[in-house]
Amino acid sequence: MTEAIRVALVDDHPLFREGVAHSLAADPAFDVVGEGASAKEALELAEQLLPDLMLLDINMPGGGHNAVEAIADACPAVKTVMLTVSEDEDDVLRALKTGAQGYVLKGITSRGLKSALIAIASGEIWVTPTLAATLIKEMTGKGGRERGPAGALADLTERERQILEGVASGQSNKEIGQMLFLTEKTVKHYMTNILQKLQVRNRVEAAVVAQKALGQASRAS
């Protein structure tokens, strides 16, 4: 039997925090090991418990972004996930840049949250799909023009393009492997090459590049 994913929750709204904890605790796939209400408590929980995942609110005492950065420095094995109402572009990008592996909006369903957390625990970077447009806007702004990652799509092999299309559609490495008859390890090797060629840091940014390119192709046709 697979071990339960150990989760700690930090949010300064007790009712919301308790609701999420109750939902996760009712599922054998998760083990809620701690709760807190501030950035300070988040770091303490991370250091004392070393949970697999730490769910953090942005607007809590001490700041969620500060908590992510502190946890990334002190406990790099702990994966951090923003669980927030903020759809602000700067919040999304800052969270990813400071080390968060997930950015989830509080309007998500219980089933959706569990699926996202399982994906993140397995090593995926997960961002609420509706925020893809926000990331596209950022990457097609000054940063996108400076680096021009979309132009690097031409350097990808046919197999790399197939894998990137799977990433852009939200598939995990395992799902992509099953579709293309490749092992998950092989897909990961391809992903390393793809990230280097596109000059991006993670699969979220790679997916944004792919979606942008598809959009340009669609308009051109």
N, C-alpha and C. Protein backbone atom coordinates (compact mmCIF):
# COMPACT_ATOMS: atom_id res chain seq x y z
N MET A 1 0.84 -1.20 0.00
CA MET A 1 0.00 0.00 0.00
C MET A 1 0.88 1.25 0.00
N THR A 2 0.54 2.22 -0.85
CA THR A 2 1.30 3.45 -0.94
C THR A 2 1.11 4.27 0.33
N GLU A 3 2.20 4.86 0.81
CA GLU A 3 2.12 5.68 2.01
C GLU A 3 1.29 6.93 1.74
N ALA A 4 0.56 7.37 2.78
CA ALA A 4 -0.26 8.57 2.66
C ALA A 4 0.64 9.80 2.49
N ILE A 5 0.14 10.78 1.78
CA ILE A 5 0.87 12.04 1.59
C ILE A 5 0.68 12.89 2.84
N ARG A 6 1.78 13.24 3.47
CA ARG A 6 1.73 14.00 4.71
C ARG A 6 1.60 15.49 4.39
N VAL A 7 0.52 16.10 4.90
CA VAL A 7 0.19 17.49 4.55
C VAL A 7 0.08 18.36 5.80
N ALA A 8 0.62 19.58 5.72
CA ALA A 8 0.44 20.58 6.77
C ALA A 8 -0.30 21.77 6.15
N LEU A 9 -1.23 22.35 6.88
CA LEU A 9 -2.05 23.45 6.38
C LEU A 9 -1.78 24.71 7.19
N VAL A 10 -1.54 25.82 6.48
CA VAL A 10 -1.32 27.09 7.17
C VAL A 10 -2.19 28.17 6.54
N ASP A 11 -3.18 28.62 7.30
CA ASP A 11 -4.13 29.63 6.84
C ASP A 11 -4.70 30.30 8.09
N ASP A 12 -4.83 31.62 8.06
CA ASP A 12 -5.29 32.33 9.26
C ASP A 12 -6.81 32.39 9.37
N HIS A 13 -7.52 31.66 8.50
CA HIS A 13 -8.97 31.55 8.61
C HIS A 13 -9.30 30.14 9.11
N PRO A 14 -9.52 29.98 10.40
CA PRO A 14 -9.72 28.65 11.01
C PRO A 14 -10.81 27.81 10.36
N LEU A 15 -11.93 28.43 10.01
CA LEU A 15 -13.05 27.68 9.44
C LEU A 15 -12.65 27.06 8.11
N PHE A 16 -11.99 27.84 7.26
CA PHE A 16 -11.56 27.33 5.97
C PHE A 16 -10.51 26.24 6.16
N ARG A 17 -9.53 26.52 7.03
CA ARG A 17 -8.45 25.57 7.26
C ARG A 17 -8.98 24.23 7.78
N GLU A 18 -9.92 24.31 8.71
CA GLU A 18 -10.50 23.09 9.29
C GLU A 18 -11.30 22.32 8.24
N GLY A 19 -11.95 23.05 7.34
CA GLY A 19 -12.72 22.38 6.29
C GLY A 19 -11.82 21.60 5.34
N VAL A 20 -10.70 22.21 4.95
CA VAL A 20 -9.75 21.53 4.07
C VAL A 20 -9.14 20.33 4.79
N ALA A 21 -8.78 20.53 6.06
CA ALA A 21 -8.17 19.45 6.84
C ALA A 21 -9.13 18.27 6.95
N HIS A 22 -10.40 18.57 7.20
CA HIS A 22 -11.40 17.50 7.33
C HIS A 22 -11.56 16.74 6.02
N SER A 23 -11.59 17.48 4.90
CA SER A 23 -11.75 16.85 3.60
C SER A 23 -10.57 15.94 3.28
N LEU A 24 -9.36 16.40 3.54
CA LEU A 24 -8.17 15.60 3.24
C LEU A 24 -8.05 14.40 4.19
N ALA A 25 -8.34 14.65 5.46
CA ALA A 25 -8.21 13.57 6.46
C ALA A 25 -9.17 12.42 6.20
N ALA A 26 -10.29 12.72 5.50
CA ALA A 26 -11.27 11.68 5.21
C ALA A 26 -10.82 10.77 4.07
N ASP A 27 -9.74 11.15 3.41
CA ASP A 27 -9.21 10.37 2.29
C ASP A 27 -7.94 9.65 2.75
N PRO A 28 -7.88 8.33 2.62
CA PRO A 28 -6.69 7.57 3.07
C PRO A 28 -5.41 7.93 2.33
N ALA A 29 -5.54 8.66 1.22
CA ALA A 29 -4.35 9.04 0.46
C ALA A 29 -3.58 10.18 1.15
N PHE A 30 -4.23 10.80 2.17
CA PHE A 30 -3.62 11.95 2.83
C PHE A 30 -3.57 11.77 4.34
N ASP A 31 -2.57 12.39 4.94
CA ASP A 31 -2.43 12.40 6.39
C ASP A 31 -2.12 13.84 6.80
N VAL A 32 -3.09 14.52 7.42
CA VAL A 32 -2.90 15.91 7.85
C VAL A 32 -2.11 15.89 9.16
N VAL A 33 -0.88 16.37 9.11
CA VAL A 33 0.02 16.23 10.26
C VAL A 33 0.17 17.51 11.08
N GLY A 34 -0.31 18.63 10.57
CA GLY A 34 -0.17 19.87 11.34
C GLY A 34 -0.93 21.03 10.73
N GLU A 35 -1.24 22.02 11.57
CA GLU A 35 -1.95 23.22 11.12
C GLU A 35 -1.33 24.44 11.76
N GLY A 36 -1.39 25.57 11.04
CA GLY A 36 -0.86 26.82 11.56
C GLY A 36 -1.61 27.99 10.96
N ALA A 37 -1.21 29.22 11.38
CA ALA A 37 -1.95 30.40 10.94
C ALA A 37 -1.04 31.55 10.50
N SER A 38 0.27 31.33 10.42
CA SER A 38 1.18 32.42 10.06
C SER A 38 2.42 31.86 9.37
N ALA A 39 3.18 32.77 8.76
CA ALA A 39 4.41 32.37 8.09
C ALA A 39 5.40 31.78 9.10
N LYS A 40 5.44 32.35 10.28
CA LYS A 40 6.33 31.86 11.32
C LYS A 40 5.98 30.42 11.69
N GLU A 41 4.68 30.16 11.88
CA GLU A 41 4.24 28.82 12.23
C GLU A 41 4.48 27.85 11.07
N ALA A 42 4.36 28.35 9.85
CA ALA A 42 4.60 27.50 8.67
C ALA A 42 6.03 26.97 8.67
N LEU A 43 6.99 27.86 8.91
CA LEU A 43 8.39 27.44 8.93
C LEU A 43 8.65 26.47 10.08
N GLU A 44 8.05 26.75 11.23
CA GLU A 44 8.23 25.86 12.39
C GLU A 44 7.68 24.47 12.10
N LEU A 45 6.49 24.42 11.47
CA LEU A 45 5.89 23.13 11.13
C LEU A 45 6.76 22.38 10.12
N ALA A 46 7.27 23.11 9.14
CA ALA A 46 8.11 22.49 8.12
C ALA A 46 9.36 21.88 8.74
N GLU A 47 9.98 22.62 9.63
CA GLU A 47 11.22 22.14 10.26
C GLU A 47 10.98 20.99 11.23
N GLN A 48 9.86 21.05 11.96
CA GLN A 48 9.59 20.03 12.97
C GLN A 48 9.00 18.75 12.39
N LEU A 49 8.14 18.90 11.37
CA LEU A 49 7.39 17.75 10.86
C LEU A 49 7.88 17.24 9.50
N LEU A 50 8.55 18.08 8.74
CA LEU A 50 8.97 17.74 7.38
C LEU A 50 7.84 17.06 6.59
N PRO A 51 6.70 17.74 6.43
CA PRO A 51 5.60 17.14 5.67
C PRO A 51 5.97 17.03 4.19
N ASP A 52 5.26 16.21 3.46
CA ASP A 52 5.49 16.12 2.02
C ASP A 52 5.05 17.40 1.34
N LEU A 53 3.90 17.91 1.77
CA LEU A 53 3.32 19.12 1.19
C LEU A 53 2.95 20.12 2.29
N MET A 54 3.15 21.39 1.99
CA MET A 54 2.73 22.46 2.89
C MET A 54 1.80 23.39 2.11
N LEU A 55 0.53 23.46 2.52
CA LEU A 55 -0.44 24.33 1.87
C LEU A 55 -0.45 25.67 2.58
N LEU A 56 -0.25 26.75 1.83
CA LEU A 56 -0.10 28.09 2.41
C LEU A 56 -1.05 29.09 1.77
N ASP A 57 -1.58 29.99 2.60
CA ASP A 57 -2.35 31.11 2.08
C ASP A 57 -1.39 32.27 1.84
N ILE A 58 -1.65 33.09 0.84
CA ILE A 58 -0.78 34.23 0.57
C ILE A 58 -0.96 35.31 1.63
N ASN A 59 -2.23 35.67 1.89
CA ASN A 59 -2.53 36.79 2.78
C ASN A 59 -2.72 36.34 4.22
N MET A 60 -1.65 35.87 4.82
CA MET A 60 -1.68 35.49 6.23
C MET A 60 -0.58 36.26 6.95
N PRO A 61 -0.62 36.36 8.26
CA PRO A 61 0.43 37.08 8.99
C PRO A 61 1.82 36.59 8.61
N GLY A 62 2.68 37.53 8.25
CA GLY A 62 4.03 37.15 7.84
C GLY A 62 4.16 36.93 6.35
N GLY A 63 3.03 36.72 5.66
CA GLY A 63 3.03 36.57 4.21
C GLY A 63 3.35 35.18 3.70
N GLY A 64 2.50 34.66 2.83
CA GLY A 64 2.71 33.33 2.26
C GLY A 64 3.96 33.24 1.41
N HIS A 65 4.25 34.31 0.65
CA HIS A 65 5.44 34.29 -0.20
C HIS A 65 6.70 34.17 0.66
N ASN A 66 6.73 34.90 1.77
CA ASN A 66 7.89 34.83 2.66
C ASN A 66 8.05 33.43 3.23
N ALA A 67 6.91 32.80 3.52
CA ALA A 67 6.93 31.44 4.06
C ALA A 67 7.49 30.46 3.03
N VAL A 68 7.07 30.60 1.78
CA VAL A 68 7.57 29.72 0.71
C VAL A 68 9.08 29.83 0.58
N GLU A 69 9.57 31.06 0.57
CA GLU A 69 11.01 31.29 0.41
C GLU A 69 11.80 30.72 1.59
N ALA A 70 11.27 30.93 2.81
CA ALA A 70 11.96 30.44 4.01
C ALA A 70 11.99 28.92 4.05
N ILE A 71 10.87 28.30 3.67
CA ILE A 71 10.79 26.84 3.67
C ILE A 71 11.69 26.24 2.59
N ALA A 72 11.74 26.90 1.42
CA ALA A 72 12.61 26.42 0.33
C ALA A 72 14.07 26.42 0.77
N ASP A 73 14.45 27.42 1.57
CA ASP A 73 15.83 27.51 2.05
C ASP A 73 16.13 26.51 3.17
N ALA A 74 15.19 26.41 4.12
CA ALA A 74 15.43 25.58 5.30
C ALA A 74 15.10 24.10 5.10
N CYS A 75 14.04 23.85 4.32
CA CYS A 75 13.57 22.47 4.14
C CYS A 75 13.25 22.21 2.67
N PRO A 76 14.25 22.14 1.81
CA PRO A 76 14.00 21.98 0.37
C PRO A 76 13.21 20.73 -0.01
N ALA A 77 13.17 19.74 0.88
CA ALA A 77 12.42 18.52 0.57
C ALA A 77 10.92 18.73 0.72
N VAL A 78 10.51 19.79 1.40
CA VAL A 78 9.09 20.07 1.62
C VAL A 78 8.55 20.85 0.42
N LYS A 79 7.55 20.31 -0.25
CA LYS A 79 6.95 20.98 -1.39
C LYS A 79 5.87 21.96 -0.89
N THR A 80 5.90 23.18 -1.38
CA THR A 80 4.94 24.19 -0.95
C THR A 80 3.90 24.46 -2.03
N VAL A 81 2.67 24.67 -1.58
CA VAL A 81 1.54 24.91 -2.48
C VAL A 81 0.75 26.12 -2.00
N MET A 82 0.58 27.11 -2.85
CA MET A 82 -0.26 28.25 -2.51
C MET A 82 -1.72 27.85 -2.70
N LEU A 83 -2.53 28.03 -1.67
CA LEU A 83 -3.96 27.79 -1.75
C LEU A 83 -4.60 29.11 -1.40
N THR A 84 -5.07 29.84 -2.40
CA THR A 84 -5.40 31.25 -2.22
C THR A 84 -6.57 31.69 -3.10
N VAL A 85 -7.09 32.89 -2.82
CA VAL A 85 -8.13 33.47 -3.66
C VAL A 85 -7.51 34.40 -4.71
N SER A 86 -6.22 34.69 -4.56
CA SER A 86 -5.57 35.68 -5.42
C SER A 86 -5.31 35.14 -6.83
N GLU A 87 -5.81 35.86 -7.82
CA GLU A 87 -5.53 35.55 -9.21
C GLU A 87 -4.58 36.59 -9.80
N ASP A 88 -3.97 37.38 -8.92
CA ASP A 88 -3.07 38.44 -9.35
C ASP A 88 -1.83 37.87 -10.04
N GLU A 89 -1.49 38.44 -11.19
CA GLU A 89 -0.35 37.97 -11.99
C GLU A 89 0.94 37.94 -11.18
N ASP A 90 1.17 39.02 -10.42
CA ASP A 90 2.41 39.10 -9.65
C ASP A 90 2.48 38.01 -8.58
N ASP A 91 1.33 37.68 -7.98
CA ASP A 91 1.31 36.64 -6.94
C ASP A 91 1.64 35.28 -7.53
N VAL A 92 1.07 34.99 -8.70
CA VAL A 92 1.33 33.69 -9.35
C VAL A 92 2.81 33.54 -9.67
N LEU A 93 3.36 34.56 -10.33
CA LEU A 93 4.75 34.48 -10.76
C LEU A 93 5.72 34.49 -9.58
N ARG A 94 5.41 35.31 -8.57
CA ARG A 94 6.31 35.36 -7.41
C ARG A 94 6.33 34.02 -6.68
N ALA A 95 5.15 33.40 -6.58
CA ALA A 95 5.07 32.11 -5.90
C ALA A 95 5.95 31.07 -6.60
N LEU A 96 5.86 31.01 -7.92
CA LEU A 96 6.65 30.04 -8.67
C LEU A 96 8.14 30.35 -8.60
N LYS A 97 8.46 31.64 -8.65
CA LYS A 97 9.87 32.03 -8.64
C LYS A 97 10.52 31.79 -7.27
N THR A 98 9.73 31.89 -6.19
CA THR A 98 10.31 31.69 -4.86
C THR A 98 10.34 30.23 -4.44
N GLY A 99 9.77 29.35 -5.27
CA GLY A 99 9.92 27.92 -4.99
C GLY A 99 8.66 27.11 -4.82
N ALA A 100 7.48 27.73 -4.94
CA ALA A 100 6.24 26.96 -4.79
C ALA A 100 6.10 25.98 -5.95
N GLN A 101 5.62 24.77 -5.64
CA GLN A 101 5.39 23.76 -6.68
C GLN A 101 3.95 23.75 -7.16
N GLY A 102 3.09 24.52 -6.49
CA GLY A 102 1.70 24.56 -6.90
C GLY A 102 1.06 25.89 -6.58
N TYR A 103 0.07 26.27 -7.40
CA TYR A 103 -0.70 27.50 -7.16
C TYR A 103 -2.16 27.15 -7.44
N VAL A 104 -2.93 27.04 -6.36
CA VAL A 104 -4.30 26.54 -6.45
C VAL A 104 -5.28 27.60 -5.92
N LEU A 105 -6.34 27.86 -6.66
CA LEU A 105 -7.35 28.81 -6.21
C LEU A 105 -8.34 28.13 -5.26
N LYS A 106 -8.80 28.88 -4.26
CA LYS A 106 -9.66 28.31 -3.24
C LYS A 106 -11.04 27.88 -3.76
N GLY A 107 -11.37 28.29 -4.96
CA GLY A 107 -12.65 27.87 -5.52
C GLY A 107 -12.64 26.45 -6.06
N ILE A 108 -11.51 25.77 -5.97
CA ILE A 108 -11.38 24.41 -6.50
C ILE A 108 -12.26 23.44 -5.70
N THR A 109 -12.70 22.38 -6.35
CA THR A 109 -13.49 21.36 -5.65
C THR A 109 -12.58 20.50 -4.79
N SER A 110 -13.18 19.77 -3.88
CA SER A 110 -12.41 18.87 -3.02
C SER A 110 -11.69 17.83 -3.86
N ARG A 111 -12.39 17.26 -4.83
CA ARG A 111 -11.77 16.26 -5.70
C ARG A 111 -10.63 16.87 -6.51
N GLY A 112 -10.86 18.10 -7.01
CA GLY A 112 -9.83 18.77 -7.79
C GLY A 112 -8.59 19.06 -6.97
N LEU A 113 -8.80 19.47 -5.71
CA LEU A 113 -7.66 19.76 -4.84
C LEU A 113 -6.85 18.50 -4.58
N LYS A 114 -7.53 17.41 -4.32
CA LYS A 114 -6.83 16.15 -4.05
C LYS A 114 -6.02 15.70 -5.26
N SER A 115 -6.60 15.83 -6.44
CA SER A 115 -5.88 15.45 -7.67
C SER A 115 -4.64 16.31 -7.86
N ALA A 116 -4.80 17.61 -7.60
CA ALA A 116 -3.67 18.53 -7.75
C ALA A 116 -2.56 18.19 -6.76
N LEU A 117 -2.93 17.90 -5.52
CA LEU A 117 -1.94 17.61 -4.50
C LEU A 117 -1.20 16.30 -4.79
N ILE A 118 -1.92 15.32 -5.31
CA ILE A 118 -1.28 14.05 -5.66
C ILE A 118 -0.26 14.28 -6.78
N ALA A 119 -0.63 15.12 -7.76
CA ALA A 119 0.28 15.42 -8.86
C ALA A 119 1.52 16.15 -8.35
N ILE A 120 1.32 17.11 -7.46
CA ILE A 120 2.45 17.88 -6.92
C ILE A 120 3.35 16.98 -6.09
N ALA A 121 2.75 16.12 -5.28
CA ALA A 121 3.53 15.21 -4.44
C ALA A 121 4.39 14.27 -5.29
N SER A 122 3.92 13.97 -6.49
CA SER A 122 4.67 13.05 -7.37
C SER A 122 5.73 13.78 -8.18
N GLY A 123 5.84 15.10 -7.97
CA GLY A 123 6.91 15.84 -8.64
C GLY A 123 6.47 16.80 -9.72
N GLU A 124 5.16 16.89 -9.94
CA GLU A 124 4.67 17.80 -10.97
C GLU A 124 4.59 19.22 -10.43
N ILE A 125 4.64 20.22 -11.34
CA ILE A 125 4.32 21.60 -11.00
C ILE A 125 2.87 21.81 -11.45
N TRP A 126 2.02 22.31 -10.55
CA TRP A 126 0.59 22.41 -10.87
C TRP A 126 0.09 23.82 -10.62
N VAL A 127 -0.55 24.40 -11.62
CA VAL A 127 -1.14 25.72 -11.50
C VAL A 127 -2.57 25.64 -12.01
N THR A 128 -3.50 26.29 -11.31
CA THR A 128 -4.90 26.30 -11.74
C THR A 128 -4.98 26.66 -13.22
N PRO A 129 -5.60 25.81 -14.05
CA PRO A 129 -5.63 26.02 -15.50
C PRO A 129 -6.10 27.41 -15.93
N THR A 130 -7.05 28.01 -15.20
CA THR A 130 -7.56 29.32 -15.60
C THR A 130 -6.51 30.41 -15.50
N LEU A 131 -5.40 30.11 -14.82
CA LEU A 131 -4.34 31.11 -14.68
C LEU A 131 -3.32 31.01 -15.81
N ALA A 132 -3.51 30.08 -16.74
CA ALA A 132 -2.57 29.93 -17.85
C ALA A 132 -2.45 31.22 -18.65
N ALA A 133 -3.57 31.91 -18.84
CA ALA A 133 -3.56 33.16 -19.61
C ALA A 133 -2.69 34.21 -18.93
N THR A 134 -2.68 34.19 -17.60
CA THR A 134 -1.85 35.13 -16.85
C THR A 134 -0.38 34.89 -17.13
N LEU A 135 0.01 33.61 -17.13
CA LEU A 135 1.40 33.27 -17.38
C LEU A 135 1.78 33.57 -18.83
N ILE A 136 0.87 33.34 -19.75
CA ILE A 136 1.13 33.64 -21.16
C ILE A 136 1.38 35.14 -21.32
N LYS A 137 0.57 35.94 -20.65
CA LYS A 137 0.72 37.40 -20.73
C LYS A 137 2.10 37.82 -20.26
N GLU A 138 2.56 37.23 -19.18
CA GLU A 138 3.88 37.57 -18.64
C GLU A 138 4.98 37.16 -19.60
N MET A 139 4.88 35.93 -20.12
CA MET A 139 5.96 35.42 -20.96
C MET A 139 5.99 36.04 -22.35
N THR A 140 4.87 36.65 -22.78
CA THR A 140 4.85 37.33 -24.08
C THR A 140 5.09 38.82 -23.91
N GLY A 141 5.35 39.24 -22.66
CA GLY A 141 5.71 40.62 -22.38
C GLY A 141 7.20 40.80 -22.57
N LYS A 142 7.79 41.66 -21.76
CA LYS A 142 9.21 41.97 -21.94
C LYS A 142 10.10 40.74 -21.78
N GLY A 143 9.75 39.84 -20.81
CA GLY A 143 10.57 38.65 -20.59
C GLY A 143 10.55 37.76 -21.81
N GLY A 144 9.37 37.58 -22.41
CA GLY A 144 9.26 36.71 -23.58
C GLY A 144 10.02 37.25 -24.77
N ARG A 145 10.00 38.61 -24.94
CA ARG A 145 10.70 39.18 -26.08
C ARG A 145 12.21 39.09 -25.92
N GLU A 146 12.66 39.17 -24.66
CA GLU A 146 14.09 39.10 -24.43
C GLU A 146 14.63 37.69 -24.67
N ARG A 147 13.90 36.70 -24.21
CA ARG A 147 14.40 35.33 -24.31
C ARG A 147 13.91 34.62 -25.56
N GLY A 148 12.71 35.02 -26.02
CA GLY A 148 12.15 34.42 -27.21
C GLY A 148 12.04 32.92 -27.17
N PRO A 149 11.51 32.30 -26.08
CA PRO A 149 11.49 30.85 -25.97
C PRO A 149 10.63 30.18 -27.03
N ALA A 150 9.58 30.87 -27.49
CA ALA A 150 8.70 30.24 -28.47
C ALA A 150 9.46 29.88 -29.75
N GLY A 151 10.47 30.70 -30.10
CA GLY A 151 11.24 30.43 -31.29
C GLY A 151 12.04 29.14 -31.19
N ALA A 152 12.31 28.71 -29.96
CA ALA A 152 13.09 27.49 -29.75
C ALA A 152 12.27 26.24 -30.04
N LEU A 153 10.97 26.38 -30.25
CA LEU A 153 10.13 25.21 -30.56
C LEU A 153 10.62 24.53 -31.84
N ALA A 154 11.19 25.33 -32.73
CA ALA A 154 11.68 24.78 -34.00
C ALA A 154 12.85 23.82 -33.77
N ASP A 155 13.51 23.93 -32.62
CA ASP A 155 14.66 23.07 -32.33
C ASP A 155 14.25 21.73 -31.74
N LEU A 156 12.98 21.58 -31.40
CA LEU A 156 12.52 20.33 -30.78
C LEU A 156 12.39 19.22 -31.81
N THR A 157 12.68 18.01 -31.40
CA THR A 157 12.47 16.85 -32.26
C THR A 157 10.98 16.54 -32.29
N GLU A 158 10.58 15.66 -33.18
CA GLU A 158 9.16 15.29 -33.28
C GLU A 158 8.69 14.66 -31.97
N ARG A 159 9.51 13.81 -31.37
CA ARG A 159 9.15 13.18 -30.10
C ARG A 159 9.02 14.21 -28.99
N GLU A 160 9.94 15.18 -28.96
CA GLU A 160 9.87 16.23 -27.94
C GLU A 160 8.62 17.08 -28.12
N ARG A 161 8.23 17.32 -29.35
CA ARG A 161 7.00 18.08 -29.61
C ARG A 161 5.78 17.32 -29.10
N GLN A 162 5.77 16.01 -29.33
CA GLN A 162 4.65 15.20 -28.86
C GLN A 162 4.53 15.26 -27.33
N ILE A 163 5.67 15.19 -26.67
CA ILE A 163 5.67 15.24 -25.21
C ILE A 163 5.24 16.61 -24.72
N LEU A 164 5.70 17.66 -25.39
CA LEU A 164 5.32 19.02 -24.99
C LEU A 164 3.82 19.25 -25.18
N GLU A 165 3.26 18.67 -26.24
CA GLU A 165 1.82 18.78 -26.46
C GLU A 165 1.06 18.13 -25.30
N GLY A 166 1.59 17.01 -24.82
CA GLY A 166 0.96 16.35 -23.68
C GLY A 166 1.03 17.21 -22.43
N VAL A 167 2.18 17.84 -22.21
CA VAL A 167 2.35 18.74 -21.06
C VAL A 167 1.37 19.90 -21.15
N ALA A 168 1.26 20.48 -22.35
CA ALA A 168 0.36 21.62 -22.55
C ALA A 168 -1.10 21.27 -22.30
N SER A 169 -1.45 20.00 -22.52
CA SER A 169 -2.84 19.58 -22.30
C SER A 169 -3.08 19.13 -20.86
N GLY A 170 -2.03 19.23 -20.02
CA GLY A 170 -2.20 18.93 -18.60
C GLY A 170 -1.90 17.50 -18.19
N GLN A 171 -1.30 16.72 -19.10
CA GLN A 171 -1.01 15.33 -18.78
C GLN A 171 0.25 15.20 -17.91
N SER A 172 0.29 14.20 -17.06
CA SER A 172 1.47 13.92 -16.25
C SER A 172 2.48 13.16 -17.08
N ASN A 173 3.70 13.04 -16.57
CA ASN A 173 4.72 12.27 -17.29
C ASN A 173 4.27 10.83 -17.50
N LYS A 174 3.62 10.27 -16.49
CA LYS A 174 3.15 8.89 -16.59
C LYS A 174 2.11 8.74 -17.70
N GLU A 175 1.18 9.68 -17.76
CA GLU A 175 0.12 9.63 -18.79
C GLU A 175 0.72 9.81 -20.18
N ILE A 176 1.69 10.71 -20.31
CA ILE A 176 2.35 10.92 -21.60
C ILE A 176 3.08 9.66 -22.02
N GLY A 177 3.75 9.03 -21.06
CA GLY A 177 4.46 7.80 -21.35
C GLY A 177 3.54 6.70 -21.85
N GLN A 178 2.38 6.56 -21.20
CA GLN A 178 1.42 5.55 -21.61
C GLN A 178 0.91 5.82 -23.02
N MET A 179 0.69 7.09 -23.34
CA MET A 179 0.18 7.47 -24.65
C MET A 179 1.20 7.20 -25.76
N LEU A 180 2.49 7.43 -25.44
CA LEU A 180 3.53 7.30 -26.45
C LEU A 180 4.33 6.00 -26.33
N PHE A 181 3.90 5.13 -25.42
CA PHE A 181 4.57 3.84 -25.19
C PHE A 181 6.03 4.04 -24.76
N LEU A 182 6.22 4.97 -23.82
CA LEU A 182 7.53 5.25 -23.25
C LEU A 182 7.47 5.06 -21.74
N THR A 183 8.59 4.81 -21.12
CA THR A 183 8.60 4.73 -19.67
C THR A 183 8.55 6.14 -19.10
N GLU A 184 8.09 6.25 -17.85
CA GLU A 184 8.01 7.56 -17.20
C GLU A 184 9.41 8.18 -17.09
N LYS A 185 10.41 7.35 -16.84
CA LYS A 185 11.79 7.83 -16.73
C LYS A 185 12.27 8.42 -18.05
N THR A 186 11.90 7.78 -19.16
CA THR A 186 12.29 8.29 -20.47
C THR A 186 11.65 9.64 -20.74
N VAL A 187 10.38 9.77 -20.37
CA VAL A 187 9.68 11.05 -20.55
C VAL A 187 10.37 12.15 -19.75
N LYS A 188 10.82 11.83 -18.54
CA LYS A 188 11.52 12.81 -17.71
C LYS A 188 12.81 13.27 -18.38
N HIS A 189 13.52 12.33 -19.01
CA HIS A 189 14.75 12.68 -19.72
C HIS A 189 14.43 13.64 -20.88
N TYR A 190 13.38 13.33 -21.60
CA TYR A 190 12.96 14.21 -22.70
C TYR A 190 12.60 15.60 -22.16
N MET A 191 11.92 15.64 -21.02
CA MET A 191 11.50 16.92 -20.43
C MET A 191 12.71 17.77 -20.07
N THR A 192 13.77 17.15 -19.60
CA THR A 192 14.99 17.89 -19.27
C THR A 192 15.54 18.59 -20.52
N ASN A 193 15.55 17.86 -21.64
CA ASN A 193 16.02 18.44 -22.90
C ASN A 193 15.10 19.56 -23.37
N ILE A 194 13.80 19.35 -23.22
CA ILE A 194 12.82 20.34 -23.66
C ILE A 194 12.99 21.65 -22.88
N LEU A 195 13.14 21.55 -21.58
CA LEU A 195 13.30 22.75 -20.74
C LEU A 195 14.55 23.52 -21.14
N GLN A 196 15.63 22.79 -21.42
CA GLN A 196 16.87 23.45 -21.82
C GLN A 196 16.73 24.14 -23.16
N LYS A 197 16.09 23.48 -24.11
CA LYS A 197 15.93 24.07 -25.44
C LYS A 197 15.02 25.29 -25.42
N LEU A 198 13.98 25.25 -24.60
CA LEU A 198 13.03 26.37 -24.54
C LEU A 198 13.51 27.48 -23.60
N GLN A 199 14.58 27.21 -22.87
CA GLN A 199 15.13 28.17 -21.91
C GLN A 199 14.09 28.56 -20.86
N VAL A 200 13.38 27.56 -20.34
CA VAL A 200 12.40 27.79 -19.29
C VAL A 200 12.78 26.93 -18.09
N ARG A 201 12.18 27.27 -16.94
CA ARG A 201 12.60 26.64 -15.68
C ARG A 201 11.82 25.40 -15.30
N ASN A 202 10.57 25.30 -15.77
CA ASN A 202 9.75 24.17 -15.34
C ASN A 202 8.68 23.86 -16.38
N ARG A 203 7.92 22.80 -16.16
CA ARG A 203 6.93 22.35 -17.13
C ARG A 203 5.77 23.33 -17.28
N VAL A 204 5.51 24.14 -16.24
CA VAL A 204 4.46 25.14 -16.35
C VAL A 204 4.82 26.15 -17.43
N GLU A 205 6.05 26.67 -17.37
CA GLU A 205 6.49 27.64 -18.37
C GLU A 205 6.58 26.99 -19.75
N ALA A 206 6.97 25.72 -19.80
CA ALA A 206 7.04 25.02 -21.07
C ALA A 206 5.64 24.90 -21.69
N ALA A 207 4.65 24.62 -20.84
CA ALA A 207 3.27 24.52 -21.32
C ALA A 207 2.77 25.85 -21.84
N VAL A 208 3.16 26.94 -21.16
CA VAL A 208 2.76 28.27 -21.60
C VAL A 208 3.34 28.58 -22.98
N VAL A 209 4.61 28.23 -23.18
CA VAL A 209 5.24 28.45 -24.48
C VAL A 209 4.49 27.68 -25.56
N ALA A 210 4.14 26.43 -25.27
CA ALA A 210 3.43 25.60 -26.24
C ALA A 210 2.06 26.17 -26.56
N GLN A 211 1.34 26.61 -25.51
CA GLN A 211 0.00 27.17 -25.73
C GLN A 211 0.05 28.45 -26.55
N LYS A 212 1.07 29.26 -26.28
CA LYS A 212 1.25 30.50 -27.04
C LYS A 212 1.51 30.19 -28.50
N ALA A 213 2.39 29.23 -28.77
CA ALA A 213 2.71 28.86 -30.13
C ALA A 213 1.51 28.31 -30.87
N LEU A 214 0.71 27.47 -30.17
CA LEU A 214 -0.50 26.92 -30.77
C LEU A 214 -1.48 28.02 -31.11
N GLY A 215 -1.57 29.02 -30.22
CA GLY A 215 -2.48 30.14 -30.47
C GLY A 215 -2.05 30.95 -31.68
N GLN A 216 -0.74 31.15 -31.84
CA GLN A 216 -0.22 31.89 -32.99
C GLN A 216 -0.49 31.11 -34.28
N ALA A 217 -0.29 29.80 -34.23
CA ALA A 217 -0.53 28.96 -35.40
C ALA A 217 -2.00 29.00 -35.80
N SER A 218 -2.88 29.00 -34.79
CA SER A 218 -4.31 29.02 -35.06
C SER A 218 -4.72 30.31 -35.72
N ARG A 219 -4.16 31.43 -35.24
CA ARG A 219 -4.50 32.73 -35.83
C ARG A 219 -3.96 32.84 -37.24
N ALA A 220 -2.78 32.25 -37.47
CA ALA A 220 -2.16 32.32 -38.78
C ALA A 220 -2.95 31.55 -39.82
N SER A 221 -3.60 30.47 -39.37
CA SER A 221 -4.36 29.65 -40.31
C SER A 221 -5.76 30.21 -40.54
